[in-house]
Amino acid sequence: MENGPRLGITPTAAAELVRQAALAGKPGLMHLDLIKATYDEGWLYIRLQPGECGGVPVARADGITLFAPVGQFHLLSGLTLNYYGDLSGGGFLISLPEGAEASACGGGFRFIEKEQ
């Protein structure tokens, strides 16, 4: 993981990842990858799945190891995964690195092209 992305996981996100991995029968193992939006070019969304799913470890925190595809390291660097929960439900949120903007729904992001 020394040469991997600088991907952060907050304690609340780690706790929810641990819970979801355990419920799926894959204790301590979750996979994160970015999927491209089919309706709007340039937007990326995070998909989380239990297990390794052919990825390599990119982050460890509080009982969870997060795996991701090597080919997405450059896109994951600088992201921080967080989780919020309240009486109406909950969900994962991402804190974006400089040079990225969030979608209106907050579930996706894209990198802003620099003007030359």
PDB file of N, CA and C in Angstrom:
ATOM      1  N   MET A   1       0.802  -1.192   0.000  1.00  0.00           N
ATOM      2  CA  MET A   1       0.000   0.000   0.000  1.00  0.00           C
ATOM      3  C   MET A   1       0.848   1.261   0.000  1.00  0.00           C
ATOM      4  N   GLU A   2       2.143   1.130   0.184  1.00  0.00           N
ATOM      5  CA  GLU A   2       2.998   2.313   0.184  1.00  0.00           C
ATOM      6  C   GLU A   2       2.944   3.047  -1.145  1.00  0.00           C
ATOM      7  N   ASN A   3       2.799   2.324  -2.242  1.00  0.00           N
ATOM      8  CA  ASN A   3       2.792   2.938  -3.564  1.00  0.00           C
ATOM      9  C   ASN A   3       1.382   3.163  -4.090  1.00  0.00           C
ATOM     10  N   GLY A   4       0.393   2.912  -3.259  1.00  0.00           N
ATOM     11  CA  GLY A   4      -0.991   3.067  -3.672  1.00  0.00           C
ATOM     12  C   GLY A   4      -1.484   4.488  -3.483  1.00  0.00           C
ATOM     13  N   PRO A   5      -2.780   4.694  -3.707  1.00  0.00           N
ATOM     14  CA  PRO A   5      -3.351   6.033  -3.559  1.00  0.00           C
ATOM     15  C   PRO A   5      -3.418   6.450  -2.096  1.00  0.00           C
ATOM     16  N   ARG A   6      -3.462   7.741  -1.860  1.00  0.00           N
ATOM     17  CA  ARG A   6      -3.674   8.258  -0.507  1.00  0.00           C
ATOM     18  C   ARG A   6      -5.187   8.354  -0.307  1.00  0.00           C
ATOM     19  N   LEU A   7      -5.800   7.257   0.074  1.00  0.00           N
ATOM     20  CA  LEU A   7      -7.243   7.182   0.261  1.00  0.00           C
ATOM     21  C   LEU A   7      -7.530   7.146   1.745  1.00  0.00           C
ATOM     22  N   GLY A   8      -8.357   8.059   2.236  1.00  0.00           N
ATOM     23  CA  GLY A   8      -8.679   8.115   3.654  1.00  0.00           C
ATOM     24  C   GLY A   8     -10.001   7.438   3.961  1.00  0.00           C
ATOM     25  N   ILE A   9     -10.111   6.907   5.172  1.00  0.00           N
ATOM     26  CA  ILE A   9     -11.357   6.319   5.658  1.00  0.00           C
ATOM     27  C   ILE A   9     -11.602   6.893   7.050  1.00  0.00           C
ATOM     28  N   THR A  10     -12.738   7.531   7.252  1.00  0.00           N
ATOM     29  CA  THR A  10     -13.057   8.058   8.574  1.00  0.00           C
ATOM     30  C   THR A  10     -13.493   6.910   9.485  1.00  0.00           C
ATOM     31  N   PRO A  11     -13.450   7.105  10.797  1.00  0.00           N
ATOM     32  CA  PRO A  11     -13.896   6.052  11.719  1.00  0.00           C
ATOM     33  C   PRO A  11     -15.346   5.626  11.501  1.00  0.00           C
ATOM     34  N   THR A  12     -16.234   6.566  11.177  1.00  0.00           N
ATOM     35  CA  THR A  12     -17.630   6.180  10.941  1.00  0.00           C
ATOM     36  C   THR A  12     -17.769   5.356   9.663  1.00  0.00           C
ATOM     37  N   ALA A  13     -16.992   5.686   8.644  1.00  0.00           N
ATOM     38  CA  ALA A  13     -17.009   4.893   7.410  1.00  0.00           C
ATOM     39  C   ALA A  13     -16.439   3.508   7.666  1.00  0.00           C
ATOM     40  N   ALA A  14     -15.354   3.424   8.421  1.00  0.00           N
ATOM     41  CA  ALA A  14     -14.753   2.125   8.732  1.00  0.00           C
ATOM     42  C   ALA A  14     -15.737   1.241   9.477  1.00  0.00           C
ATOM     43  N   ALA A  15     -16.457   1.802  10.434  1.00  0.00           N
ATOM     44  CA  ALA A  15     -17.427   1.017  11.203  1.00  0.00           C
ATOM     45  C   ALA A  15     -18.537   0.463  10.310  1.00  0.00           C
ATOM     46  N   GLU A  16     -19.026   1.289   9.379  1.00  0.00           N
ATOM     47  CA  GLU A  16     -20.080   0.821   8.474  1.00  0.00           C
ATOM     48  C   GLU A  16     -19.541  -0.200   7.479  1.00  0.00           C
ATOM     49  N   LEU A  17     -18.325  -0.014   7.000  1.00  0.00           N
ATOM     50  CA  LEU A  17     -17.725  -1.001   6.098  1.00  0.00           C
ATOM     51  C   LEU A  17     -17.549  -2.337   6.802  1.00  0.00           C
ATOM     52  N   VAL A  18     -17.097  -2.307   8.054  1.00  0.00           N
ATOM     53  CA  VAL A  18     -16.942  -3.541   8.839  1.00  0.00           C
ATOM     54  C   VAL A  18     -18.293  -4.235   8.972  1.00  0.00           C
ATOM     55  N   ARG A  19     -19.341  -3.473   9.275  1.00  0.00           N
ATOM     56  CA  ARG A  19     -20.684  -4.032   9.440  1.00  0.00           C
ATOM     57  C   ARG A  19     -21.173  -4.679   8.140  1.00  0.00           C
ATOM     58  N   GLN A  20     -21.023  -3.966   7.027  1.00  0.00           N
ATOM     59  CA  GLN A  20     -21.499  -4.493   5.751  1.00  0.00           C
ATOM     60  C   GLN A  20     -20.711  -5.726   5.308  1.00  0.00           C
ATOM     61  N   ALA A  21     -19.403  -5.708   5.512  1.00  0.00           N
ATOM     62  CA  ALA A  21     -18.580  -6.866   5.145  1.00  0.00           C
ATOM     63  C   ALA A  21     -18.981  -8.090   5.967  1.00  0.00           C
ATOM     64  N   ALA A  22     -19.214  -7.905   7.257  1.00  0.00           N
ATOM     65  CA  ALA A  22     -19.601  -9.013   8.125  1.00  0.00           C
ATOM     66  C   ALA A  22     -20.963  -9.568   7.725  1.00  0.00           C
ATOM     67  N   LEU A  23     -21.920  -8.703   7.420  1.00  0.00           N
ATOM     68  CA  LEU A  23     -23.241  -9.158   6.996  1.00  0.00           C
ATOM     69  C   LEU A  23     -23.181  -9.972   5.708  1.00  0.00           C
ATOM     70  N   ALA A  24     -22.239  -9.642   4.842  1.00  0.00           N
ATOM     71  CA  ALA A  24     -22.097 -10.336   3.560  1.00  0.00           C
ATOM     72  C   ALA A  24     -21.244 -11.597   3.665  1.00  0.00           C
ATOM     73  N   GLY A  25     -20.719 -11.889   4.851  1.00  0.00           N
ATOM     74  CA  GLY A  25     -19.886 -13.074   5.020  1.00  0.00           C
ATOM     75  C   GLY A  25     -18.445 -12.889   4.596  1.00  0.00           C
ATOM     76  N   LYS A  26     -17.991 -11.651   4.453  1.00  0.00           N
ATOM     77  CA  LYS A  26     -16.606 -11.330   4.068  1.00  0.00           C
ATOM     78  C   LYS A  26     -15.990 -10.414   5.120  1.00  0.00           C
ATOM     79  N   PRO A  27     -15.898 -10.862   6.373  1.00  0.00           N
ATOM     80  CA  PRO A  27     -15.451  -9.982   7.454  1.00  0.00           C
ATOM     81  C   PRO A  27     -14.127  -9.282   7.156  1.00  0.00           C
ATOM     82  N   GLY A  28     -14.131  -7.962   7.351  1.00  0.00           N
ATOM     83  CA  GLY A  28     -12.908  -7.174   7.214  1.00  0.00           C
ATOM     84  C   GLY A  28     -12.474  -6.867   5.800  1.00  0.00           C
ATOM     85  N   LEU A  29     -13.241  -7.267   4.782  1.00  0.00           N
ATOM     86  CA  LEU A  29     -12.824  -7.077   3.385  1.00  0.00           C
ATOM     87  C   LEU A  29     -13.910  -6.362   2.582  1.00  0.00           C
ATOM     88  N   MET A  30     -13.559  -5.221   2.009  1.00  0.00           N
ATOM     89  CA  MET A  30     -14.473  -4.506   1.120  1.00  0.00           C
ATOM     90  C   MET A  30     -13.705  -4.037  -0.109  1.00  0.00           C
ATOM     91  N   HIS A  31     -14.427  -3.919  -1.201  1.00  0.00           N
ATOM     92  CA  HIS A  31     -13.847  -3.497  -2.472  1.00  0.00           C
ATOM     93  C   HIS A  31     -14.519  -2.205  -2.913  1.00  0.00           C
ATOM     94  N   LEU A  32     -13.714  -1.254  -3.356  1.00  0.00           N
ATOM     95  CA  LEU A  32     -14.212   0.022  -3.849  1.00  0.00           C
ATOM     96  C   LEU A  32     -13.728   0.192  -5.276  1.00  0.00           C
ATOM     97  N   ASP A  33     -14.627   0.543  -6.167  1.00  0.00           N
ATOM     98  CA  ASP A  33     -14.183   0.920  -7.505  1.00  0.00           C
ATOM     99  C   ASP A  33     -15.044   2.076  -7.991  1.00  0.00           C
ATOM    100  N   LEU A  34     -14.561   2.742  -8.992  1.00  0.00           N
ATOM    101  CA  LEU A  34     -15.253   3.883  -9.569  1.00  0.00           C
ATOM    102  C   LEU A  34     -15.906   3.445 -10.864  1.00  0.00           C
ATOM    103  N   ILE A  35     -17.162   3.788 -11.013  1.00  0.00           N
ATOM    104  CA  ILE A  35     -17.865   3.459 -12.249  1.00  0.00           C
ATOM    105  C   ILE A  35     -18.252   4.763 -12.940  1.00  0.00           C
ATOM    106  N   LYS A  36     -18.210   4.744 -14.249  1.00  0.00           N
ATOM    107  CA  LYS A  36     -18.534   5.935 -15.035  1.00  0.00           C
ATOM    108  C   LYS A  36     -20.047   6.041 -15.182  1.00  0.00           C
ATOM    109  N   ALA A  37     -20.541   7.266 -15.067  1.00  0.00           N
ATOM    110  CA  ALA A  37     -21.966   7.516 -15.262  1.00  0.00           C
ATOM    111  C   ALA A  37     -22.324   7.236 -16.717  1.00  0.00           C
ATOM    112  N   THR A  38     -23.447   6.583 -16.929  1.00  0.00           N
ATOM    113  CA  THR A  38     -23.870   6.265 -18.287  1.00  0.00           C
ATOM    114  C   THR A  38     -24.587   7.433 -18.953  1.00  0.00           C
ATOM    115  N   TYR A  39     -25.045   8.383 -18.161  1.00  0.00           N
ATOM    116  CA  TYR A  39     -25.855   9.468 -18.695  1.00  0.00           C
ATOM    117  C   TYR A  39     -25.104  10.785 -18.869  1.00  0.00           C
ATOM    118  N   ASP A  40     -23.938  10.903 -18.242  1.00  0.00           N
ATOM    119  CA  ASP A  40     -23.213  12.174 -18.330  1.00  0.00           C
ATOM    120  C   ASP A  40     -21.715  11.890 -18.306  1.00  0.00           C
ATOM    121  N   GLU A  41     -21.053  12.191 -19.394  1.00  0.00           N
ATOM    122  CA  GLU A  41     -19.631  11.885 -19.521  1.00  0.00           C
ATOM    123  C   GLU A  41     -18.792  12.642 -18.495  1.00  0.00           C
ATOM    124  N   GLY A  42     -17.830  11.961 -17.923  1.00  0.00           N
ATOM    125  CA  GLY A  42     -16.906  12.575 -16.993  1.00  0.00           C
ATOM    126  C   GLY A  42     -17.238  12.356 -15.525  1.00  0.00           C
ATOM    127  N   TRP A  43     -18.469  11.983 -15.208  1.00  0.00           N
ATOM    128  CA  TRP A  43     -18.859  11.783 -13.808  1.00  0.00           C
ATOM    129  C   TRP A  43     -18.527  10.363 -13.367  1.00  0.00           C
ATOM    130  N   LEU A  44     -18.000  10.247 -12.143  1.00  0.00           N
ATOM    131  CA  LEU A  44     -17.628   8.958 -11.564  1.00  0.00           C
ATOM    132  C   LEU A  44     -18.407   8.737 -10.279  1.00  0.00           C
ATOM    133  N   TYR A  45     -18.795   7.491 -10.036  1.00  0.00           N
ATOM    134  CA  TYR A  45     -19.516   7.135  -8.829  1.00  0.00           C
ATOM    135  C   TYR A  45     -18.805   5.987  -8.136  1.00  0.00           C
ATOM    136  N   ILE A  46     -18.850   5.986  -6.819  1.00  0.00           N
ATOM    137  CA  ILE A  46     -18.193   4.937  -6.043  1.00  0.00           C
ATOM    138  C   ILE A  46     -19.139   3.761  -5.881  1.00  0.00           C
ATOM    139  N   ARG A  47     -18.599   2.574  -6.113  1.00  0.00           N
ATOM    140  CA  ARG A  47     -19.334   1.330  -5.866  1.00  0.00           C
ATOM    141  C   ARG A  47     -18.566   0.555  -4.804  1.00  0.00           C
ATOM    142  N   LEU A  48     -19.252   0.140  -3.770  1.00  0.00           N
ATOM    143  CA  LEU A  48     -18.665  -0.651  -2.694  1.00  0.00           C
ATOM    144  C   LEU A  48     -19.282  -2.043  -2.706  1.00  0.00           C
ATOM    145  N   GLN A  49     -18.419  -3.051  -2.593  1.00  0.00           N
ATOM    146  CA  GLN A  49     -18.861  -4.443  -2.579  1.00  0.00           C
ATOM    147  C   GLN A  49     -18.068  -5.213  -1.532  1.00  0.00           C
ATOM    148  N   PRO A  50     -18.680  -6.205  -0.901  1.00  0.00           N
ATOM    149  CA  PRO A  50     -17.944  -7.032   0.057  1.00  0.00           C
ATOM    150  C   PRO A  50     -16.890  -7.875  -0.648  1.00  0.00           C
ATOM    151  N   GLY A  51     -15.765  -8.120   0.004  1.00  0.00           N
ATOM    152  CA  GLY A  51     -14.714  -8.982  -0.520  1.00  0.00           C
ATOM    153  C   GLY A  51     -13.615  -8.218  -1.235  1.00  0.00           C
ATOM    154  N   GLU A  52     -12.700  -8.983  -1.835  1.00  0.00           N
ATOM    155  CA  GLU A  52     -11.550  -8.395  -2.536  1.00  0.00           C
ATOM    156  C   GLU A  52     -11.872  -8.036  -3.978  1.00  0.00           C
ATOM    157  N   CYS A  53     -12.680  -8.843  -4.647  1.00  0.00           N
ATOM    158  CA  CYS A  53     -13.113  -8.613  -6.028  1.00  0.00           C
ATOM    159  C   CYS A  53     -11.950  -8.380  -6.988  1.00  0.00           C
ATOM    160  N   GLY A  54     -10.839  -9.036  -6.775  1.00  0.00           N
ATOM    161  CA  GLY A  54      -9.709  -8.931  -7.691  1.00  0.00           C
ATOM    162  C   GLY A  54      -8.879  -7.672  -7.544  1.00  0.00           C
ATOM    163  N   GLY A  55      -9.153  -6.859  -6.524  1.00  0.00           N
ATOM    164  CA  GLY A  55      -8.385  -5.645  -6.315  1.00  0.00           C
ATOM    165  C   GLY A  55      -7.173  -5.884  -5.438  1.00  0.00           C
ATOM    166  N   VAL A  56      -6.475  -4.809  -5.156  1.00  0.00           N
ATOM    167  CA  VAL A  56      -5.320  -4.851  -4.257  1.00  0.00           C
ATOM    168  C   VAL A  56      -5.616  -3.915  -3.079  1.00  0.00           C
ATOM    169  N   PRO A  57      -5.022  -4.165  -1.912  1.00  0.00           N
ATOM    170  CA  PRO A  57      -5.298  -3.309  -0.754  1.00  0.00           C
ATOM    171  C   PRO A  57      -4.872  -1.860  -0.993  1.00  0.00           C
ATOM    172  N   VAL A  58      -5.772  -0.923  -0.677  1.00  0.00           N
ATOM    173  CA  VAL A  58      -5.453   0.498  -0.840  1.00  0.00           C
ATOM    174  C   VAL A  58      -5.555   1.268   0.474  1.00  0.00           C
ATOM    175  N   ALA A  59      -6.261   0.717   1.456  1.00  0.00           N
ATOM    176  CA  ALA A  59      -6.393   1.394   2.752  1.00  0.00           C
ATOM    177  C   ALA A  59      -6.804   0.391   3.812  1.00  0.00           C
ATOM    178  N   ARG A  60      -6.339   0.652   5.031  1.00  0.00           N
ATOM    179  CA  ARG A  60      -6.744  -0.150   6.183  1.00  0.00           C
ATOM    180  C   ARG A  60      -7.117   0.810   7.304  1.00  0.00           C
ATOM    181  N   ALA A  61      -8.221   0.491   7.999  1.00  0.00           N
ATOM    182  CA  ALA A  61      -8.637   1.322   9.128  1.00  0.00           C
ATOM    183  C   ALA A  61      -9.610   0.556  10.004  1.00  0.00           C
ATOM    184  N   ASP A  62      -9.340   0.534  11.278  1.00  0.00           N
ATOM    185  CA  ASP A  62     -10.289   0.032  12.277  1.00  0.00           C
ATOM    186  C   ASP A  62     -10.980  -1.283  11.894  1.00  0.00           C
ATOM    187  N   GLY A  63     -10.217  -2.267  11.472  1.00  0.00           N
ATOM    188  CA  GLY A  63     -10.772  -3.589  11.207  1.00  0.00           C
ATOM    189  C   GLY A  63     -11.231  -3.851   9.793  1.00  0.00           C
ATOM    190  N   ILE A  64     -10.987  -2.915   8.885  1.00  0.00           N
ATOM    191  CA  ILE A  64     -11.398  -3.121   7.494  1.00  0.00           C
ATOM    192  C   ILE A  64     -10.219  -2.888   6.565  1.00  0.00           C
ATOM    193  N   THR A  65     -10.096  -3.739   5.562  1.00  0.00           N
ATOM    194  CA  THR A  65      -9.137  -3.530   4.478  1.00  0.00           C
ATOM    195  C   THR A  65      -9.945  -3.244   3.233  1.00  0.00           C
ATOM    196  N   LEU A  66      -9.636  -2.138   2.600  1.00  0.00           N
ATOM    197  CA  LEU A  66     -10.343  -1.711   1.406  1.00  0.00           C
ATOM    198  C   LEU A  66      -9.478  -2.017   0.188  1.00  0.00           C
ATOM    199  N   PHE A  67     -10.051  -2.702  -0.775  1.00  0.00           N
ATOM    200  CA  PHE A  67      -9.376  -3.089  -2.012  1.00  0.00           C
ATOM    201  C   PHE A  67      -9.904  -2.247  -3.165  1.00  0.00           C
ATOM    202  N   ALA A  68      -9.085  -2.056  -4.194  1.00  0.00           N
ATOM    203  CA  ALA A  68      -9.490  -1.302  -5.386  1.00  0.00           C
ATOM    204  C   ALA A  68      -8.660  -1.770  -6.569  1.00  0.00           C
ATOM    205  N   PRO A  69      -9.143  -1.547  -7.786  1.00  0.00           N
ATOM    206  CA  PRO A  69      -8.377  -1.886  -8.977  1.00  0.00           C
ATOM    207  C   PRO A  69      -7.137  -0.995  -9.113  1.00  0.00           C
ATOM    208  N   VAL A  70      -6.019  -1.572  -9.488  1.00  0.00           N
ATOM    209  CA  VAL A  70      -4.771  -0.828  -9.675  1.00  0.00           C
ATOM    210  C   VAL A  70      -4.960   0.293 -10.692  1.00  0.00           C
ATOM    211  N   GLY A  71      -5.703   0.055 -11.724  1.00  0.00           N
ATOM    212  CA  GLY A  71      -5.903   1.034 -12.785  1.00  0.00           C
ATOM    213  C   GLY A  71      -6.654   2.288 -12.353  1.00  0.00           C
ATOM    214  N   GLN A  72      -7.213   2.279 -11.141  1.00  0.00           N
ATOM    215  CA  GLN A  72      -7.949   3.452 -10.660  1.00  0.00           C
ATOM    216  C   GLN A  72      -7.209   4.223  -9.570  1.00  0.00           C
ATOM    217  N   PHE A  73      -5.985   3.830  -9.270  1.00  0.00           N
ATOM    218  CA  PHE A  73      -5.226   4.500  -8.212  1.00  0.00           C
ATOM    219  C   PHE A  73      -5.163   6.007  -8.415  1.00  0.00           C
ATOM    220  N   HIS A  74      -4.892   6.445  -9.645  1.00  0.00           N
ATOM    221  CA  HIS A  74      -4.755   7.876  -9.905  1.00  0.00           C
ATOM    222  C   HIS A  74      -6.057   8.640  -9.645  1.00  0.00           C
ATOM    223  N   LEU A  75      -7.191   7.972  -9.742  1.00  0.00           N
ATOM    224  CA  LEU A  75      -8.480   8.611  -9.488  1.00  0.00           C
ATOM    225  C   LEU A  75      -8.856   8.617  -8.011  1.00  0.00           C
ATOM    226  N   LEU A  76      -8.315   7.675  -7.243  1.00  0.00           N
ATOM    227  CA  LEU A  76      -8.661   7.535  -5.830  1.00  0.00           C
ATOM    228  C   LEU A  76      -7.795   8.389  -4.913  1.00  0.00           C
ATOM    229  N   SER A  77      -6.641   8.789  -5.393  1.00  0.00           N
ATOM    230  CA  SER A  77      -5.706   9.525  -4.547  1.00  0.00           C
ATOM    231  C   SER A  77      -6.308  10.844  -4.078  1.00  0.00           C
ATOM    232  N   GLY A  78      -6.265  11.056  -2.780  1.00  0.00           N
ATOM    233  CA  GLY A  78      -6.778  12.286  -2.200  1.00  0.00           C
ATOM    234  C   GLY A  78      -8.222  12.220  -1.752  1.00  0.00           C
ATOM    235  N   LEU A  79      -8.929  11.128  -2.069  1.00  0.00           N
ATOM    236  CA  LEU A  79     -10.315  10.983  -1.627  1.00  0.00           C
ATOM    237  C   LEU A  79     -10.360  10.530  -0.174  1.00  0.00           C
ATOM    238  N   THR A  80     -11.402  10.926   0.534  1.00  0.00           N
ATOM    239  CA  THR A  80     -11.662  10.434   1.877  1.00  0.00           C
ATOM    240  C   THR A  80     -13.092   9.910   1.908  1.00  0.00           C
ATOM    241  N   LEU A  81     -13.243   8.674   2.364  1.00  0.00           N
ATOM    242  CA  LEU A  81     -14.547   8.042   2.448  1.00  0.00           C
ATOM    243  C   LEU A  81     -15.114   8.275   3.840  1.00  0.00           C
ATOM    244  N   ASN A  82     -16.336   8.801   3.900  1.00  0.00           N
ATOM    245  CA  ASN A  82     -17.008   9.067   5.158  1.00  0.00           C
ATOM    246  C   ASN A  82     -18.376   8.409   5.114  1.00  0.00           C
ATOM    247  N   TYR A  83     -19.028   8.306   6.264  1.00  0.00           N
ATOM    248  CA  TYR A  83     -20.367   7.738   6.343  1.00  0.00           C
ATOM    249  C   TYR A  83     -21.201   8.602   7.265  1.00  0.00           C
ATOM    250  N   TYR A  84     -22.432   8.838   6.876  1.00  0.00           N
ATOM    251  CA  TYR A  84     -23.359   9.549   7.753  1.00  0.00           C
ATOM    252  C   TYR A  84     -24.569   8.656   7.971  1.00  0.00           C
ATOM    253  N   GLY A  85     -25.198   8.773   9.094  1.00  0.00           N
ATOM    254  CA  GLY A  85     -26.396   8.015   9.383  1.00  0.00           C
ATOM    255  C   GLY A  85     -27.314   8.818  10.274  1.00  0.00           C
ATOM    256  N   ASP A  86     -28.609   8.696  10.015  1.00  0.00           N
ATOM    257  CA  ASP A  86     -29.601   9.332  10.868  1.00  0.00           C
ATOM    258  C   ASP A  86     -30.852   8.458  10.882  1.00  0.00           C
ATOM    259  N   LEU A  87     -31.932   8.941  11.452  1.00  0.00           N
ATOM    260  CA  LEU A  87     -33.146   8.141  11.585  1.00  0.00           C
ATOM    261  C   LEU A  87     -33.764   7.745  10.247  1.00  0.00           C
ATOM    262  N   SER A  88     -33.498   8.521   9.213  1.00  0.00           N
ATOM    263  CA  SER A  88     -34.066   8.214   7.907  1.00  0.00           C
ATOM    264  C   SER A  88     -33.161   7.347   7.039  1.00  0.00           C
ATOM    265  N   GLY A  89     -32.010   6.978   7.543  1.00  0.00           N
ATOM    266  CA  GLY A  89     -31.097   6.123   6.777  1.00  0.00           C
ATOM    267  C   GLY A  89     -29.675   6.603   6.891  1.00  0.00           C
ATOM    268  N   GLY A  90     -28.908   6.344   5.873  1.00  0.00           N
ATOM    269  CA  GLY A  90     -27.512   6.746   5.882  1.00  0.00           C
ATOM    270  C   GLY A  90     -26.890   6.500   4.521  1.00  0.00           C
ATOM    271  N   GLY A  91     -25.634   6.862   4.406  1.00  0.00           N
ATOM    272  CA  GLY A  91     -24.932   6.648   3.156  1.00  0.00           C
ATOM    273  C   GLY A  91     -23.489   7.096   3.227  1.00  0.00           C
ATOM    274  N   PHE A  92     -22.728   6.646   2.267  1.00  0.00           N
ATOM    275  CA  PHE A  92     -21.326   7.023   2.180  1.00  0.00           C
ATOM    276  C   PHE A  92     -21.196   8.335   1.433  1.00  0.00           C
ATOM    277  N   LEU A  93     -20.263   9.137   1.883  1.00  0.00           N
ATOM    278  CA  LEU A  93     -19.935  10.412   1.247  1.00  0.00           C
ATOM    279  C   LEU A  93     -18.446  10.422   0.957  1.00  0.00           C
ATOM    280  N   ILE A  94     -18.049  11.185  -0.021  1.00  0.00           N
ATOM    281  CA  ILE A  94     -16.634  11.313  -0.313  1.00  0.00           C
ATOM    282  C   ILE A  94     -16.219  12.769  -0.190  1.00  0.00           C
ATOM    283  N   SER A  95     -15.064  12.964   0.414  1.00  0.00           N
ATOM    284  CA  SER A  95     -14.440  14.280   0.427  1.00  0.00           C
ATOM    285  C   SER A  95     -13.475  14.297  -0.744  1.00  0.00           C
ATOM    286  N   LEU A  96     -13.582  15.287  -1.557  1.00  0.00           N
ATOM    287  CA  LEU A  96     -12.847  15.312  -2.824  1.00  0.00           C
ATOM    288  C   LEU A  96     -11.515  16.034  -2.707  1.00  0.00           C
ATOM    289  N   PRO A  97     -10.584  15.619  -3.547  1.00  0.00           N
ATOM    290  CA  PRO A  97      -9.307  16.334  -3.599  1.00  0.00           C
ATOM    291  C   PRO A  97      -9.468  17.635  -4.375  1.00  0.00           C
ATOM    292  N   GLU A  98      -8.450  18.462  -4.312  1.00  0.00           N
ATOM    293  CA  GLU A  98      -8.451  19.700  -5.081  1.00  0.00           C
ATOM    294  C   GLU A  98      -8.530  19.360  -6.562  1.00  0.00           C
ATOM    295  N   GLY A  99      -9.304  20.131  -7.294  1.00  0.00           N
ATOM    296  CA  GLY A  99      -9.433  19.908  -8.728  1.00  0.00           C
ATOM    297  C   GLY A  99     -10.598  19.013  -9.098  1.00  0.00           C
ATOM    298  N   ALA A 100     -11.474  18.708  -8.126  1.00  0.00           N
ATOM    299  CA  ALA A 100     -12.640  17.875  -8.401  1.00  0.00           C
ATOM    300  C   ALA A 100     -13.882  18.580  -7.886  1.00  0.00           C
ATOM    301  N   GLU A 101     -15.032  18.260  -8.486  1.00  0.00           N
ATOM    302  CA  GLU A 101     -16.294  18.818  -8.025  1.00  0.00           C
ATOM    303  C   GLU A 101     -17.303  17.701  -7.827  1.00  0.00           C
ATOM    304  N   ALA A 102     -18.197  17.904  -6.863  1.00  0.00           N
ATOM    305  CA  ALA A 102     -19.216  16.905  -6.539  1.00  0.00           C
ATOM    306  C   ALA A 102     -20.434  17.087  -7.440  1.00  0.00           C
ATOM    307  N   SER A 103     -21.143  15.994  -7.667  1.00  0.00           N
ATOM    308  CA  SER A 103     -22.385  16.072  -8.419  1.00  0.00           C
ATOM    309  C   SER A 103     -23.467  16.686  -7.537  1.00  0.00           C
ATOM    310  N   ALA A 104     -24.571  17.066  -8.123  1.00  0.00           N
ATOM    311  CA  ALA A 104     -25.660  17.691  -7.374  1.00  0.00           C
ATOM    312  C   ALA A 104     -26.222  16.762  -6.306  1.00  0.00           C
ATOM    313  N   CYS A 105     -26.223  15.456  -6.569  1.00  0.00           N
ATOM    314  CA  CYS A 105     -26.761  14.513  -5.588  1.00  0.00           C
ATOM    315  C   CYS A 105     -25.743  14.160  -4.510  1.00  0.00           C
ATOM    316  N   GLY A 106     -24.473  14.516  -4.722  1.00  0.00           N
ATOM    317  CA  GLY A 106     -23.433  14.242  -3.737  1.00  0.00           C
ATOM    318  C   GLY A 106     -22.851  12.850  -3.827  1.00  0.00           C
ATOM    319  N   GLY A 107     -23.367  12.025  -4.706  1.00  0.00           N
ATOM    320  CA  GLY A 107     -22.880  10.655  -4.815  1.00  0.00           C
ATOM    321  C   GLY A 107     -21.787  10.451  -5.842  1.00  0.00           C
ATOM    322  N   GLY A 108     -21.511  11.451  -6.634  1.00  0.00           N
ATOM    323  CA  GLY A 108     -20.506  11.315  -7.671  1.00  0.00           C
ATOM    324  C   GLY A 108     -19.602  12.532  -7.726  1.00  0.00           C
ATOM    325  N   PHE A 109     -18.608  12.442  -8.586  1.00  0.00           N
ATOM    326  CA  PHE A 109     -17.683  13.558  -8.752  1.00  0.00           C
ATOM    327  C   PHE A 109     -17.038  13.483 -10.120  1.00  0.00           C
ATOM    328  N   ARG A 110     -16.403  14.569 -10.485  1.00  0.00           N
ATOM    329  CA  ARG A 110     -15.611  14.610 -11.715  1.00  0.00           C
ATOM    330  C   ARG A 110     -14.465  15.572 -11.494  1.00  0.00           C
ATOM    331  N   PHE A 111     -13.435  15.375 -12.279  1.00  0.00           N
ATOM    332  CA  PHE A 111     -12.283  16.257 -12.210  1.00  0.00           C
ATOM    333  C   PHE A 111     -12.511  17.434 -13.159  1.00  0.00           C
ATOM    334  N   ILE A 112     -12.194  18.607 -12.680  1.00  0.00           N
ATOM    335  CA  ILE A 112     -12.386  19.828 -13.448  1.00  0.00           C
ATOM    336  C   ILE A 112     -11.174  20.001 -14.350  1.00  0.00           C
ATOM    337  N   GLU A 113     -11.440  20.235 -15.605  1.00  0.00           N
ATOM    338  CA  GLU A 113     -10.328  20.452 -16.542  1.00  0.00           C
ATOM    339  C   GLU A 113      -9.736  21.836 -16.302  1.00  0.00           C
ATOM    340  N   LYS A 114      -8.427  21.871 -16.259  1.00  0.00           N
ATOM    341  CA  LYS A 114      -7.730  23.135 -16.027  1.00  0.00           C
ATOM    342  C   LYS A 114      -7.662  23.928 -17.317  1.00  0.00           C
ATOM    343  N   GLU A 115      -7.955  25.216 -17.178  1.00  0.00           N
ATOM    344  CA  GLU A 115      -7.864  26.098 -18.339  1.00  0.00           C
ATOM    345  C   GLU A 115      -6.406  26.450 -18.584  1.00  0.00           C
ATOM    346  N   GLN A 116      -6.029  26.520 -19.840  1.00  0.00           N
ATOM    347  CA  GLN A 116      -4.642  26.830 -20.161  1.00  0.00           C
ATOM    348  C   GLN A 116      -4.490  28.204 -20.712  1.00  0.00           C
TER     349      GLN A 116
END
